[in-house]
Amino acid sequence: MGNFTSDDWKLSLELALRGAVYVFTGAATLALLSLSGFASLIAVGGTGGFTSSLPPEHPAWFGLAAVICIGVVLQWALIQLHRYLLLRLESAFDT
């Protein structure tokens, strides 16, 4: 029961590192989501909120659009980092 072979240790390490990648990207996604939500509240609330005016007459739309665009780009980058780290793990543990 306590006799681990080198392959068992290798598999355990790979699973632990893979789990760490998932936990990191999950936590970063939640942090990004909460930060984007808070920033959009500031963008809308700091200018008096939304009105029925068109976007050029009300700067809150621009702030909210910027927050959404930045959030989308950062989430895309986080997904790419997640994929890269998993590919590096696969290549590191290939035998």
C-alpha atoms as a PDB file:
ATOM      1  CA  MET A   1       0.000   0.000   0.000  1.00  0.00           C
ATOM      2  CA  GLY A   2       2.829   2.410   0.776  1.00  0.00           C
ATOM      3  CA  ASN A   3       5.126   1.257  -2.027  1.00  0.00           C
ATOM      4  CA  PHE A   4       5.009   3.940  -4.660  1.00  0.00           C
ATOM      5  CA  THR A   5       6.939   3.436  -7.844  1.00  0.00           C
ATOM      6  CA  SER A   6       8.522   6.317  -9.698  1.00  0.00           C
ATOM      7  CA  ASP A   7       5.613   6.241 -12.158  1.00  0.00           C
ATOM      8  CA  ASP A   8       3.150   6.651  -9.287  1.00  0.00           C
ATOM      9  CA  TRP A   9       5.029   9.670  -7.955  1.00  0.00           C
ATOM     10  CA  LYS A  10       5.214  11.128 -11.436  1.00  0.00           C
ATOM     11  CA  LEU A  11       1.469  10.694 -11.939  1.00  0.00           C
ATOM     12  CA  SER A  12       0.735  12.170  -8.501  1.00  0.00           C
ATOM     13  CA  LEU A  13       2.894  15.199  -9.231  1.00  0.00           C
ATOM     14  CA  GLU A  14       1.288  15.678 -12.636  1.00  0.00           C
ATOM     15  CA  LEU A  15      -2.215  15.514 -11.151  1.00  0.00           C
ATOM     16  CA  ALA A  16      -1.274  17.930  -8.367  1.00  0.00           C
ATOM     17  CA  LEU A  17       0.188  20.427 -10.828  1.00  0.00           C
ATOM     18  CA  ARG A  18      -2.792  20.066 -13.158  1.00  0.00           C
ATOM     19  CA  GLY A  19      -5.109  20.709 -10.200  1.00  0.00           C
ATOM     20  CA  ALA A  20      -3.072  23.775  -9.255  1.00  0.00           C
ATOM     21  CA  VAL A  21      -3.474  25.151 -12.788  1.00  0.00           C
ATOM     22  CA  TYR A  22      -7.247  24.672 -12.605  1.00  0.00           C
ATOM     23  CA  VAL A  23      -7.475  26.254  -9.147  1.00  0.00           C
ATOM     24  CA  PHE A  24      -5.336  29.226 -10.222  1.00  0.00           C
ATOM     25  CA  THR A  25      -7.302  29.925 -13.393  1.00  0.00           C
ATOM     26  CA  GLY A  26     -10.619  29.441 -11.578  1.00  0.00           C
ATOM     27  CA  ALA A  27      -9.622  31.880  -8.841  1.00  0.00           C
ATOM     28  CA  ALA A  28      -8.304  34.370 -11.396  1.00  0.00           C
ATOM     29  CA  THR A  29     -11.577  34.122 -13.348  1.00  0.00           C
ATOM     30  CA  LEU A  30     -13.631  34.830 -10.221  1.00  0.00           C
ATOM     31  CA  ALA A  31     -11.378  37.754  -9.313  1.00  0.00           C
ATOM     32  CA  LEU A  32     -11.680  39.161 -12.838  1.00  0.00           C
ATOM     33  CA  LEU A  33     -15.449  38.775 -12.773  1.00  0.00           C
ATOM     34  CA  SER A  34     -15.820  40.559  -9.441  1.00  0.00           C
ATOM     35  CA  LEU A  35     -13.394  43.301 -10.466  1.00  0.00           C
ATOM     36  CA  SER A  36     -15.265  43.849 -13.732  1.00  0.00           C
ATOM     37  CA  GLY A  37     -18.587  44.000 -11.895  1.00  0.00           C
ATOM     38  CA  PHE A  38     -17.235  46.513  -9.403  1.00  0.00           C
ATOM     39  CA  ALA A  39     -15.652  48.617 -12.162  1.00  0.00           C
ATOM     40  CA  SER A  40     -18.895  48.676 -14.133  1.00  0.00           C
ATOM     41  CA  LEU A  41     -20.763  49.880 -11.043  1.00  0.00           C
ATOM     42  CA  ILE A  42     -18.238  52.687 -10.723  1.00  0.00           C
ATOM     43  CA  ALA A  43     -18.465  53.480 -14.454  1.00  0.00           C
ATOM     44  CA  VAL A  44     -22.251  53.731 -14.333  1.00  0.00           C
ATOM     45  CA  GLY A  45     -22.716  55.193 -10.863  1.00  0.00           C
ATOM     46  CA  GLY A  46     -19.920  57.738 -11.134  1.00  0.00           C
ATOM     47  CA  THR A  47     -21.674  59.582 -13.943  1.00  0.00           C
ATOM     48  CA  GLY A  48     -25.203  59.528 -12.613  1.00  0.00           C
ATOM     49  CA  GLY A  49     -26.282  56.233 -14.124  1.00  0.00           C
ATOM     50  CA  PHE A  50     -27.847  55.421 -17.452  1.00  0.00           C
ATOM     51  CA  THR A  51     -30.376  57.607 -19.186  1.00  0.00           C
ATOM     52  CA  SER A  52     -32.262  57.233 -22.417  1.00  0.00           C
ATOM     53  CA  SER A  53     -29.666  59.437 -24.119  1.00  0.00           C
ATOM     54  CA  LEU A  54     -27.570  58.070 -26.932  1.00  0.00           C
ATOM     55  CA  PRO A  55     -23.997  57.078 -26.070  1.00  0.00           C
ATOM     56  CA  PRO A  56     -22.263  60.280 -27.285  1.00  0.00           C
ATOM     57  CA  GLU A  57     -24.295  62.354 -24.808  1.00  0.00           C
ATOM     58  CA  HIS A  58     -23.611  60.150 -21.810  1.00  0.00           C
ATOM     59  CA  PRO A  59     -20.067  59.083 -20.888  1.00  0.00           C
ATOM     60  CA  ALA A  60     -21.199  56.160 -18.685  1.00  0.00           C
ATOM     61  CA  TRP A  61     -21.706  54.084 -21.810  1.00  0.00           C
ATOM     62  CA  PHE A  62     -18.077  54.581 -22.788  1.00  0.00           C
ATOM     63  CA  GLY A  63     -16.800  53.577 -19.355  1.00  0.00           C
ATOM     64  CA  LEU A  64     -18.974  50.487 -19.287  1.00  0.00           C
ATOM     65  CA  ALA A  65     -17.946  49.530 -22.823  1.00  0.00           C
ATOM     66  CA  ALA A  66     -14.281  49.925 -21.858  1.00  0.00           C
ATOM     67  CA  VAL A  67     -14.740  47.735 -18.767  1.00  0.00           C
ATOM     68  CA  ILE A  68     -16.456  45.037 -20.830  1.00  0.00           C
ATOM     69  CA  CYS A  69     -13.793  45.120 -23.567  1.00  0.00           C
ATOM     70  CA  ILE A  70     -10.933  44.976 -21.070  1.00  0.00           C
ATOM     71  CA  GLY A  71     -12.643  42.129 -19.203  1.00  0.00           C
ATOM     72  CA  VAL A  72     -13.122  40.129 -22.396  1.00  0.00           C
ATOM     73  CA  VAL A  73      -9.496  40.599 -23.437  1.00  0.00           C
ATOM     74  CA  LEU A  74      -8.199  39.632 -19.993  1.00  0.00           C
ATOM     75  CA  GLN A  75     -10.428  36.557 -19.879  1.00  0.00           C
ATOM     76  CA  TRP A  76      -9.206  35.511 -23.330  1.00  0.00           C
ATOM     77  CA  ALA A  77      -5.607  35.921 -22.143  1.00  0.00           C
ATOM     78  CA  LEU A  78      -6.379  33.855 -19.047  1.00  0.00           C
ATOM     79  CA  ILE A  79      -7.829  31.061 -21.189  1.00  0.00           C
ATOM     80  CA  GLN A  80      -4.711  31.117 -23.383  1.00  0.00           C
ATOM     81  CA  LEU A  81      -2.481  30.955 -20.286  1.00  0.00           C
ATOM     82  CA  HIS A  82      -4.519  28.016 -18.986  1.00  0.00           C
ATOM     83  CA  ARG A  83      -4.108  26.140 -22.281  1.00  0.00           C
ATOM     84  CA  TYR A  84      -0.393  26.926 -22.434  1.00  0.00           C
ATOM     85  CA  LEU A  85       0.234  25.693 -18.892  1.00  0.00           C
ATOM     86  CA  LEU A  86      -1.661  22.457 -19.520  1.00  0.00           C
ATOM     87  CA  LEU A  87       0.277  21.845 -22.748  1.00  0.00           C
ATOM     88  CA  ARG A  88       3.566  22.483 -20.940  1.00  0.00           C
ATOM     89  CA  LEU A  89       2.556  20.005 -18.248  1.00  0.00           C
ATOM     90  CA  GLU A  90       1.698  17.389 -20.858  1.00  0.00           C
ATOM     91  CA  SER A  91       5.003  17.833 -22.648  1.00  0.00           C
ATOM     92  CA  ALA A  92       6.963  17.819 -19.383  1.00  0.00           C
ATOM     93  CA  PHE A  93       5.480  14.515 -18.249  1.00  0.00           C
ATOM     94  CA  ASP A  94       5.549  12.696 -21.602  1.00  0.00           C
ATOM     95  CA  THR A  95       7.762   9.660 -21.554  1.00  0.00           C
END
